Protein backbone atom coordinates (compact mmCIF):
# COMPACT_ATOMS: atom_id res chain seq x y z
CA MET A 1 -26.85 -29.31 0.40
CA LYS A 2 -27.12 -25.80 1.89
CA THR A 3 -23.78 -26.24 3.65
CA PHE A 4 -22.18 -27.61 0.49
CA LEU A 5 -23.40 -24.67 -1.60
CA SER A 6 -22.22 -22.08 0.94
CA HIS A 7 -18.69 -23.55 0.99
CA PHE A 8 -18.73 -23.96 -2.80
CA VAL A 9 -19.68 -20.33 -3.42
CA VAL A 10 -17.05 -19.03 -0.99
CA ILE A 11 -14.13 -21.02 -2.40
CA LEU A 12 -15.24 -20.45 -6.01
CA GLY A 13 -15.31 -16.72 -5.47
CA THR A 14 -11.92 -16.78 -3.76
CA LEU A 15 -10.19 -18.81 -6.46
CA SER A 16 -11.82 -16.78 -9.25
CA SER A 17 -10.55 -13.58 -7.66
CA ILE A 18 -7.05 -15.00 -7.42
CA ALA A 19 -7.12 -16.09 -11.08
CA THR A 20 -8.34 -12.64 -12.14
CA LEU A 21 -5.59 -10.96 -10.14
CA ILE A 22 -2.91 -13.17 -11.70
CA ALA A 23 -4.24 -12.46 -15.16
CA PHE A 24 -4.15 -8.73 -14.47
CA VAL A 25 -0.60 -8.76 -13.03
CA LEU A 26 0.87 -11.01 -15.68
CA ASP A 27 -0.47 -11.18 -19.19
CA LYS A 28 -4.17 -11.42 -19.93
CA GLU A 29 -3.41 -13.21 -23.18
CA LEU A 30 -2.18 -16.22 -21.17
CA PHE A 31 -5.73 -16.69 -19.93
CA VAL A 32 -7.55 -16.95 -23.23
CA GLY A 33 -8.52 -19.94 -25.27
CA THR A 34 -7.55 -23.42 -24.03
CA ILE A 35 -5.63 -22.18 -21.01
CA GLN A 36 -8.63 -20.16 -19.89
CA VAL A 37 -10.84 -23.24 -20.10
CA LEU A 38 -8.31 -25.36 -18.18
CA VAL A 39 -7.98 -22.74 -15.46
CA GLY A 40 -11.77 -22.52 -15.20
CA LEU A 41 -12.14 -26.31 -14.94
CA GLY A 42 -9.37 -26.42 -12.35
CA ILE A 43 -11.06 -23.78 -10.22
CA LEU A 44 -14.40 -25.56 -10.53
CA SER A 45 -12.90 -28.94 -9.57
CA ILE A 46 -11.03 -27.55 -6.58
CA SER A 47 -14.18 -25.73 -5.43
CA ILE A 48 -16.27 -28.91 -5.60
CA ILE A 49 -13.66 -31.00 -3.73
CA TYR A 50 -13.25 -28.32 -1.06
CA ALA A 51 -17.01 -27.95 -0.58
CA ILE A 52 -17.50 -31.72 -0.25
CA TYR A 53 -14.68 -31.90 2.31
CA GLN A 54 -16.03 -29.01 4.38
CA SER A 55 -19.63 -30.23 4.33
CA ARG A 56 -18.91 -33.82 5.37
CA SER A 57 -20.62 -34.96 8.56
CA LYS A 58 -18.23 -34.28 11.39
CA LYS A 59 -17.89 -36.69 14.31
CA LYS A 60 -15.95 -34.26 16.48
CA ILE A 61 -15.75 -30.50 16.87
CA ILE A 62 -13.69 -28.25 19.13
CA LEU A 63 -15.19 -25.02 20.44
CA GLU A 64 -13.22 -22.37 22.29
CA ILE A 65 -15.65 -21.24 24.99
CA ASN A 66 -13.06 -18.89 26.45
CA SER A 67 -9.31 -18.76 27.00
CA ASN A 68 -9.61 -21.22 29.89
CA LEU A 69 -12.16 -23.67 28.55
CA LYS A 70 -11.97 -25.83 25.44
CA LEU A 71 -15.13 -27.78 24.73
CA ILE A 72 -15.04 -30.90 22.58
CA VAL A 73 -18.33 -32.35 21.33
CA GLN A 74 -17.89 -35.80 19.84
CA GLN A 75 -19.52 -39.09 18.99
CA ALA A 76 -18.16 -41.42 21.65
CA ASP A 77 -19.15 -43.89 24.35
CA LEU A 78 -19.08 -42.05 27.68
CA PHE A 79 -18.21 -45.24 29.55
CA LYS A 80 -15.13 -45.90 27.44
CA GLN A 81 -13.48 -42.59 28.34
CA ASN A 82 -10.79 -41.92 30.91
CA GLY A 83 -10.70 -39.05 33.36
CA VAL A 84 -13.53 -37.37 35.25
CA ILE A 85 -16.93 -38.71 34.19
CA VAL A 86 -20.13 -36.76 34.96
CA ILE A 87 -23.33 -38.73 35.61
CA GLY A 88 -26.73 -37.22 36.34
CA PHE A 89 -28.43 -38.57 39.48
CA ASN A 90 -31.63 -37.54 41.22
CA GLU A 91 -31.84 -35.36 44.32
CA TYR A 92 -31.82 -38.40 46.62
CA PHE A 93 -28.72 -40.00 45.07
CA ASP A 94 -30.68 -43.22 44.71
CA THR A 95 -28.59 -46.32 43.98
CA TYR A 96 -31.25 -49.04 43.78
CA VAL A 97 -31.85 -49.92 40.13
CA GLY A 98 -35.32 -51.16 39.23
CA ASP A 99 -38.75 -51.24 40.90
CA GLY A 100 -39.46 -47.71 39.73
CA VAL A 101 -36.54 -46.14 41.61
CA VAL A 102 -33.73 -45.89 39.04
CA SER A 103 -34.41 -46.94 35.47
CA PRO A 104 -31.90 -49.55 34.23
CA ASP A 105 -32.03 -47.86 30.80
CA SER A 106 -30.95 -44.44 32.08
CA LEU A 107 -27.29 -43.41 32.31
CA HIS A 108 -27.85 -43.29 36.05
CA GLY A 109 -28.88 -46.95 36.04
CA ILE A 110 -26.33 -48.07 33.45
CA PHE A 111 -23.53 -46.51 35.50
CA ILE A 112 -24.59 -48.28 38.69
CA ASN A 113 -25.05 -51.68 37.05
CA LYS A 114 -21.77 -51.39 35.16
CA TYR A 115 -19.51 -50.43 38.04
CA PHE A 116 -21.27 -51.05 41.37
CA LYS A 117 -23.94 -53.70 40.79
CA ASP A 118 -22.32 -56.23 43.11
CA HIS A 119 -21.11 -53.75 45.72
CA LEU A 120 -23.68 -50.99 46.12
CA SER A 121 -22.51 -50.41 49.67
CA ASP A 122 -19.21 -49.06 48.30
CA LEU A 123 -21.08 -46.57 46.11
CA ASP A 124 -23.34 -45.48 48.97
CA ARG A 125 -20.36 -45.05 51.25
CA GLY A 126 -18.46 -43.07 48.61
CA ILE A 127 -21.42 -40.71 48.07
CA LYS A 128 -21.86 -40.20 51.81
CA GLU A 129 -18.16 -39.51 52.41
CA SER A 130 -18.00 -37.05 49.51
CA LEU A 131 -21.02 -35.09 50.72
CA GLU A 132 -19.76 -35.05 54.30
CA SER A 133 -16.32 -33.85 53.21
CA GLN A 134 -18.04 -30.85 51.59
CA ASN A 135 -20.16 -30.32 54.70
CA ILE A 136 -23.32 -30.67 52.62
CA LYS A 137 -26.46 -31.39 54.61
CA PRO A 138 -29.73 -32.80 53.23
CA ILE A 139 -32.55 -30.29 52.88
CA GLN A 140 -35.09 -32.90 53.89
CA THR A 141 -34.44 -36.03 55.93
CA GLY A 142 -36.41 -39.19 56.52
CA CYS A 143 -39.20 -38.13 54.16
CA GLN A 144 -41.85 -40.57 53.05
CA ARG A 145 -41.45 -41.98 49.56
CA LYS A 146 -43.63 -44.50 47.81
CA ASN A 147 -40.92 -47.11 47.33
CA ILE A 148 -39.41 -48.62 50.46
CA VAL A 149 -36.01 -49.11 48.77
CA SER A 150 -35.76 -45.41 47.92
CA LYS A 151 -33.44 -43.17 49.92
CA LYS A 152 -34.99 -40.65 52.29
CA ASP A 153 -32.46 -37.80 52.40
CA LYS A 154 -32.92 -35.12 49.74
CA TYR A 155 -30.20 -32.72 48.60
CA PRO A 156 -30.31 -29.43 46.64
CA LEU A 157 -30.17 -29.71 42.86
CA GLY A 158 -26.64 -29.21 41.60
CA THR A 159 -25.11 -30.97 44.59
CA CYS A 160 -22.12 -33.04 43.45
CA ALA A 161 -20.57 -36.14 44.95
CA MET A 162 -17.32 -37.64 43.67
CA VAL A 163 -16.66 -41.37 43.81
CA HIS A 164 -13.79 -43.44 42.47
CA ASP A 165 -13.67 -46.67 40.50
CA GLY A 166 -10.51 -47.93 38.86
CA GLY A 167 -8.59 -45.01 37.42
CA ASN A 168 -11.61 -42.79 36.89
CA LYS A 169 -13.36 -40.25 39.07
CA TYR A 170 -17.14 -40.05 38.75
CA VAL A 171 -18.96 -36.83 39.54
CA LEU A 172 -22.56 -37.61 40.43
CA VAL A 173 -24.66 -34.47 40.13
CA ALA A 174 -28.17 -34.07 41.55
CA LEU A 175 -29.91 -33.23 38.29
CA THR A 176 -33.60 -34.02 38.81
CA HIS A 177 -36.13 -33.88 41.59
CA PHE A 178 -39.44 -35.65 42.11
CA ASP A 179 -42.91 -34.11 41.88
CA GLN A 180 -45.96 -35.08 43.90
CA TYR A 181 -46.43 -38.09 41.63
CA ASP A 182 -42.88 -39.28 42.34
CA LYS A 183 -41.73 -38.58 38.77
CA ALA A 184 -38.37 -37.01 38.01
CA ASN A 185 -38.36 -33.59 36.34
CA LEU A 186 -36.29 -30.45 35.90
CA SER A 187 -37.17 -26.89 34.92
CA ARG A 188 -35.08 -24.68 32.66
CA SER A 189 -34.18 -22.26 35.45
CA GLU A 190 -33.16 -25.17 37.67
CA PHE A 191 -31.04 -26.52 34.83
CA ASN A 192 -29.16 -23.20 34.72
CA ASP A 193 -28.34 -23.50 38.41
CA VAL A 194 -27.30 -27.15 38.10
CA LEU A 195 -24.86 -26.35 35.29
CA ALA A 196 -23.36 -23.44 37.25
CA LYS A 197 -22.87 -25.55 40.39
CA LEU A 198 -21.48 -28.46 38.38
CA MET A 199 -18.90 -26.28 36.64
CA SER A 200 -17.89 -24.74 39.96
CA PHE A 201 -17.36 -28.22 41.42
CA LEU A 202 -15.38 -29.36 38.39
CA GLU A 203 -13.19 -26.26 38.57
CA LYS A 204 -12.18 -27.21 42.10
CA ASN A 205 -11.83 -30.96 41.62
CA ALA A 206 -10.96 -31.85 38.00
CA GLN A 207 -7.56 -30.11 38.02
CA ASP A 208 -5.84 -30.98 34.70
CA THR A 209 -7.86 -34.16 34.08
CA PRO A 210 -10.17 -34.31 31.02
CA VAL A 211 -13.86 -34.09 31.97
CA HIS A 212 -16.43 -36.15 30.08
CA MET A 213 -20.18 -35.72 30.32
CA PRO A 214 -23.30 -36.70 28.37
CA ILE A 215 -25.94 -34.25 27.15
CA LEU A 216 -27.40 -33.67 30.60
CA GLY A 217 -31.13 -33.02 30.79
CA THR A 218 -32.38 -35.61 28.29
CA GLY A 219 -34.49 -38.62 29.16
CA LEU A 220 -36.04 -38.64 32.63
CA ALA A 221 -35.39 -34.93 33.20
CA ARG A 222 -38.46 -34.31 31.02
CA LEU A 223 -37.32 -30.98 29.61
CA ASP A 224 -39.49 -31.71 26.58
CA ARG A 225 -36.84 -30.57 24.12
CA SER A 226 -34.83 -32.39 21.47
CA GLU A 227 -31.30 -33.51 22.29
CA SER A 228 -30.04 -31.02 19.72
CA ARG A 229 -31.85 -28.14 21.42
CA ILE A 230 -30.64 -29.20 24.88
CA LEU A 231 -27.08 -29.36 23.58
CA HIS A 232 -27.37 -25.77 22.34
CA PHE A 233 -28.87 -24.76 25.68
CA ILE A 234 -25.83 -26.23 27.47
CA LEU A 235 -23.46 -24.43 25.09
CA ASP A 236 -25.27 -21.15 25.68
CA ASN A 237 -24.98 -21.55 29.43
CA LEU A 238 -21.31 -22.49 29.31
CA ASP A 239 -20.69 -19.48 27.08
CA PHE A 240 -22.27 -17.13 29.64
CA LEU A 241 -20.70 -18.69 32.74
CA TYR A 242 -17.59 -17.09 34.15
CA ALA A 243 -14.26 -18.33 32.75
CA VAL A 244 -14.03 -21.75 34.36
CA PRO A 245 -10.48 -23.08 33.94
CA LEU A 246 -10.70 -26.75 33.00
CA ILE A 247 -7.18 -27.40 31.80
CA GLY A 248 -7.89 -30.91 30.53
CA GLY A 249 -10.88 -29.77 28.50
CA LEU A 250 -14.60 -30.54 28.72
CA TYR A 251 -15.94 -33.29 26.47
CA ILE A 252 -19.60 -33.87 25.66
CA ASP A 253 -19.86 -37.48 24.52
CA ILE A 254 -22.80 -38.56 22.35
CA LEU A 255 -23.15 -42.27 21.70
CA SER A 256 -24.88 -41.85 18.32
CA LEU A 257 -25.16 -38.49 16.57
CA LYS A 258 -27.64 -39.94 14.08
CA LYS A 259 -29.92 -41.34 16.77
CA ALA A 260 -29.73 -38.08 18.72
CA GLY A 261 -30.57 -36.11 15.56
CA ILE A 262 -27.52 -33.90 15.94
CA SER A 263 -25.38 -32.42 13.18
CA LEU A 264 -22.05 -31.25 14.56
CA ASN A 265 -21.59 -29.19 11.40
CA ASN A 266 -24.65 -27.15 12.35
CA VAL A 267 -23.63 -26.99 16.01
CA GLU A 268 -20.22 -25.62 15.05
CA ASN A 269 -21.64 -23.07 12.61
CA HIS A 270 -24.34 -21.89 15.00
CA PHE A 271 -21.90 -21.51 17.86
CA LYS A 272 -19.26 -19.67 15.87
CA ASN A 273 -21.81 -17.38 14.24
CA GLY A 274 -23.73 -16.76 17.44
CA ILE A 275 -26.86 -18.25 15.88
CA LYS A 276 -29.03 -20.50 18.06
CA GLU A 277 -31.70 -22.93 17.05
CA SER A 278 -35.24 -21.71 17.62
CA ASN A 279 -37.01 -25.04 18.17
């Protein structure tokens, strides 16, 4: 209702000013009596229609981060998109789904089961080759982990590996690490670094291909913030990063805006006005 009223007041004031100006320039007598009533009703009707149209729940918004980066936030299934797809992994690039290693309900697990369930060796080989091609070395090797099917080599957060499947390229980013209780987590400062490293990798490897990513940092990252707040946090960080040229655009795909509790109308208004949520 607040959004509706704000649009209604703006357009009503604009149209009323125009009508007043016309009456002043032409003949004020034309705007008395019946004609005055009709003009008033017309202005009121147009204002209501315009306000309803502007305040409808948007499913897609386009934000100009800078001259080189166009960000599209939309309700869409990440796994039905074409281009470069970003998936959050943990610092070990685990590929075994289940038994407390990778949750089958996480995007990490859904990705593996959807594309590599019957040929995990191809995924492991692709990750290894990508990391080796970047000359990235693990920061800890052969460490002891509780689950015997877990990987032992740990990489810095923000490390990216690119693998291919079909016509898509998948960027797997080390998003979370494990604490002493073997639970995944991520701090806000670490999240800043991950986003910076991810964007740097995408700048070098996405070329003119559209990049699609989820709202990174939800779920097992345990940031203890709503999806709406995390989305704003990502937007803030992208806004303050240097001008990363992603020619094909960066898409943030949200499967269900309603379930995530996100209003793209509010996101668009807050971003354009420089107002951030406080929760």
